[in-house]
Amino acid sequence: MLDAEGRELVSTPAFIADAQKFYLKTLYVQTTDVQKAEFTKKQQRLCGAKAITPEERTVVNAALISWLIVAVNSRDSVRLASNNAALINGVAVSPAIRERLNAEGQNR
């Protein structure tokens, strides 16, 4: 990923977490009340009852961001989807999270 001046950004775990929080918040506020309720249920299903690791949180957040991009039908959806994919490039997906993603129809 590149910044506004064309310099390559270093994708540290903190940078990824901050970027995902930004995308989640920005997209979430654009949803309807029905979509917000659906998002909350999806988030609960993906996270499960047990605590998840930071890597699993990154993958879950990416799935939620993907869902939000479609839900809000953003005119920037292609750019947002590309940025979302770049943020999780190389992040391993645990079997437990992969199973939850498959159940949600969001294969990675």
C-alpha atoms as a PDB file:
ATOM      1  CA  MET A   1       0.000   0.000   0.000  1.00  0.00           C
ATOM      2  CA  LEU A   2       1.149   3.527  -0.734  1.00  0.00           C
ATOM      3  CA  ASP A   3       0.539   6.777   1.103  1.00  0.00           C
ATOM      4  CA  ALA A   4      -0.664  10.000  -0.555  1.00  0.00           C
ATOM      5  CA  GLU A   5       2.889  10.829  -1.656  1.00  0.00           C
ATOM      6  CA  GLY A   6       3.448   7.393  -3.198  1.00  0.00           C
ATOM      7  CA  ARG A   7       5.675   6.042  -0.420  1.00  0.00           C
ATOM      8  CA  GLU A   8       5.209   2.440   0.609  1.00  0.00           C
ATOM      9  CA  LEU A   9       3.437   2.022   3.938  1.00  0.00           C
ATOM     10  CA  VAL A  10       4.791  -0.463   6.445  1.00  0.00           C
ATOM     11  CA  SER A  11       1.995  -2.826   7.483  1.00  0.00           C
ATOM     12  CA  THR A  12       2.650  -3.325  11.170  1.00  0.00           C
ATOM     13  CA  PRO A  13       0.005  -5.056  13.301  1.00  0.00           C
ATOM     14  CA  ALA A  14      -0.826  -1.682  14.882  1.00  0.00           C
ATOM     15  CA  PHE A  15      -1.203  -0.015  11.463  1.00  0.00           C
ATOM     16  CA  ILE A  16      -3.486  -2.818  10.251  1.00  0.00           C
ATOM     17  CA  ALA A  17      -5.628  -2.651  13.408  1.00  0.00           C
ATOM     18  CA  ASP A  18      -5.962   1.132  13.137  1.00  0.00           C
ATOM     19  CA  ALA A  19      -6.825   0.996   9.436  1.00  0.00           C
ATOM     20  CA  GLN A  20      -9.420  -1.711  10.031  1.00  0.00           C
ATOM     21  CA  LYS A  21     -10.991   0.264  12.885  1.00  0.00           C
ATOM     22  CA  PHE A  22     -11.224   3.275  10.581  1.00  0.00           C
ATOM     23  CA  TYR A  23     -12.885   1.269   7.782  1.00  0.00           C
ATOM     24  CA  LEU A  24     -15.264  -0.493  10.179  1.00  0.00           C
ATOM     25  CA  LYS A  25     -16.376   2.785  11.759  1.00  0.00           C
ATOM     26  CA  THR A  26     -16.627   4.704   8.478  1.00  0.00           C
ATOM     27  CA  LEU A  27     -18.677   2.006   6.764  1.00  0.00           C
ATOM     28  CA  TYR A  28     -20.796   1.072   9.794  1.00  0.00           C
ATOM     29  CA  VAL A  29     -22.194   4.587  10.177  1.00  0.00           C
ATOM     30  CA  GLN A  30     -23.474   4.371   6.594  1.00  0.00           C
ATOM     31  CA  THR A  31     -25.629   1.292   7.269  1.00  0.00           C
ATOM     32  CA  THR A  32     -29.334   1.168   7.978  1.00  0.00           C
ATOM     33  CA  ASP A  33     -30.695   0.001  11.329  1.00  0.00           C
ATOM     34  CA  VAL A  34     -31.510  -3.392   9.797  1.00  0.00           C
ATOM     35  CA  GLN A  35     -27.952  -3.688   8.446  1.00  0.00           C
ATOM     36  CA  LYS A  36     -26.534  -2.687  11.839  1.00  0.00           C
ATOM     37  CA  ALA A  37     -28.478  -5.510  13.486  1.00  0.00           C
ATOM     38  CA  GLU A  38     -27.318  -7.962  10.816  1.00  0.00           C
ATOM     39  CA  PHE A  39     -23.722  -6.753  11.232  1.00  0.00           C
ATOM     40  CA  THR A  40     -23.867  -7.334  15.000  1.00  0.00           C
ATOM     41  CA  LYS A  41     -25.146 -10.878  14.518  1.00  0.00           C
ATOM     42  CA  LYS A  42     -22.499 -11.601  11.873  1.00  0.00           C
ATOM     43  CA  GLN A  43     -19.779 -10.219  14.155  1.00  0.00           C
ATOM     44  CA  GLN A  44     -20.951 -12.436  17.026  1.00  0.00           C
ATOM     45  CA  ARG A  45     -21.011 -15.528  14.809  1.00  0.00           C
ATOM     46  CA  LEU A  46     -17.536 -14.856  13.420  1.00  0.00           C
ATOM     47  CA  CYS A  47     -15.937 -14.067  16.769  1.00  0.00           C
ATOM     48  CA  GLY A  48     -17.563 -16.971  18.586  1.00  0.00           C
ATOM     49  CA  ALA A  49     -17.806 -17.398  22.332  1.00  0.00           C
ATOM     50  CA  LYS A  50     -14.075 -17.716  23.023  1.00  0.00           C
ATOM     51  CA  ALA A  51     -11.455 -14.981  22.818  1.00  0.00           C
ATOM     52  CA  ILE A  52      -9.739 -14.783  19.447  1.00  0.00           C
ATOM     53  CA  THR A  53      -6.099 -14.018  18.689  1.00  0.00           C
ATOM     54  CA  PRO A  54      -4.997 -10.717  17.144  1.00  0.00           C
ATOM     55  CA  GLU A  55      -4.405 -12.526  13.832  1.00  0.00           C
ATOM     56  CA  GLU A  56      -7.906 -14.013  13.956  1.00  0.00           C
ATOM     57  CA  ARG A  57      -9.305 -10.553  14.775  1.00  0.00           C
ATOM     58  CA  THR A  58      -7.574  -9.205  11.651  1.00  0.00           C
ATOM     59  CA  VAL A  59      -9.208 -11.863   9.483  1.00  0.00           C
ATOM     60  CA  VAL A  60     -12.635 -11.401  11.109  1.00  0.00           C
ATOM     61  CA  ASN A  61     -12.405  -7.630  10.679  1.00  0.00           C
ATOM     62  CA  ALA A  62     -11.494  -8.077   7.013  1.00  0.00           C
ATOM     63  CA  ALA A  63     -14.569 -10.274   6.512  1.00  0.00           C
ATOM     64  CA  LEU A  64     -16.764  -7.714   8.268  1.00  0.00           C
ATOM     65  CA  ILE A  65     -15.312  -4.890   6.191  1.00  0.00           C
ATOM     66  CA  SER A  66     -16.000  -6.899   3.015  1.00  0.00           C
ATOM     67  CA  TRP A  67     -19.595  -7.374   4.103  1.00  0.00           C
ATOM     68  CA  LEU A  68     -19.985  -3.677   4.933  1.00  0.00           C
ATOM     69  CA  ILE A  69     -18.560  -2.607   1.556  1.00  0.00           C
ATOM     70  CA  VAL A  70     -21.289  -4.591  -0.180  1.00  0.00           C
ATOM     71  CA  ALA A  71     -23.995  -3.580   2.307  1.00  0.00           C
ATOM     72  CA  VAL A  72     -23.461   0.162   1.904  1.00  0.00           C
ATOM     73  CA  ASN A  73     -22.870  -0.103  -1.859  1.00  0.00           C
ATOM     74  CA  SER A  74     -20.084   2.460  -1.724  1.00  0.00           C
ATOM     75  CA  ARG A  75     -19.008   4.080  -4.971  1.00  0.00           C
ATOM     76  CA  ASP A  76     -15.459   3.465  -3.720  1.00  0.00           C
ATOM     77  CA  SER A  77     -16.118  -0.248  -3.291  1.00  0.00           C
ATOM     78  CA  VAL A  78     -13.351  -1.401  -5.642  1.00  0.00           C
ATOM     79  CA  ARG A  79     -10.721   0.734  -3.903  1.00  0.00           C
ATOM     80  CA  LEU A  80     -11.982  -0.226  -0.454  1.00  0.00           C
ATOM     81  CA  ALA A  81     -11.988  -3.930  -1.318  1.00  0.00           C
ATOM     82  CA  SER A  82      -8.446  -3.635  -2.679  1.00  0.00           C
ATOM     83  CA  ASN A  83      -7.230  -1.855   0.460  1.00  0.00           C
ATOM     84  CA  ASN A  84      -8.984  -4.410   2.650  1.00  0.00           C
ATOM     85  CA  ALA A  85      -7.288  -7.285   0.811  1.00  0.00           C
ATOM     86  CA  ALA A  86      -3.894  -5.579   1.001  1.00  0.00           C
ATOM     87  CA  LEU A  87      -4.206  -5.166   4.768  1.00  0.00           C
ATOM     88  CA  ILE A  88      -4.544  -8.903   5.348  1.00  0.00           C
ATOM     89  CA  ASN A  89      -2.138 -10.089   2.674  1.00  0.00           C
ATOM     90  CA  GLY A  90      -0.073 -12.874   4.237  1.00  0.00           C
ATOM     91  CA  VAL A  91      -2.143 -13.190   7.425  1.00  0.00           C
ATOM     92  CA  ALA A  92      -2.708 -16.860   8.230  1.00  0.00           C
ATOM     93  CA  VAL A  93      -6.269 -18.017   8.802  1.00  0.00           C
ATOM     94  CA  SER A  94      -6.820 -20.436  11.669  1.00  0.00           C
ATOM     95  CA  PRO A  95      -9.004 -23.502  11.049  1.00  0.00           C
ATOM     96  CA  ALA A  96     -11.622 -22.238  13.522  1.00  0.00           C
ATOM     97  CA  ILE A  97     -11.949 -18.876  11.779  1.00  0.00           C
ATOM     98  CA  ARG A  98     -11.882 -20.508   8.333  1.00  0.00           C
ATOM     99  CA  GLU A  99     -14.810 -22.701   9.394  1.00  0.00           C
ATOM    100  CA  ARG A 100     -16.775 -19.656  10.585  1.00  0.00           C
ATOM    101  CA  LEU A 101     -16.009 -17.761   7.378  1.00  0.00           C
ATOM    102  CA  ASN A 102     -17.171 -20.727   5.314  1.00  0.00           C
ATOM    103  CA  ALA A 103     -20.391 -20.887   7.334  1.00  0.00           C
ATOM    104  CA  GLU A 104     -20.952 -17.194   6.548  1.00  0.00           C
ATOM    105  CA  GLY A 105     -20.202 -17.753   2.853  1.00  0.00           C
ATOM    106  CA  GLN A 106     -17.036 -15.661   3.049  1.00  0.00           C
ATOM    107  CA  ASN A 107     -14.237 -17.991   1.969  1.00  0.00           C
ATOM    108  CA  ARG A 108     -10.676 -16.756   2.191  1.00  0.00           C
END
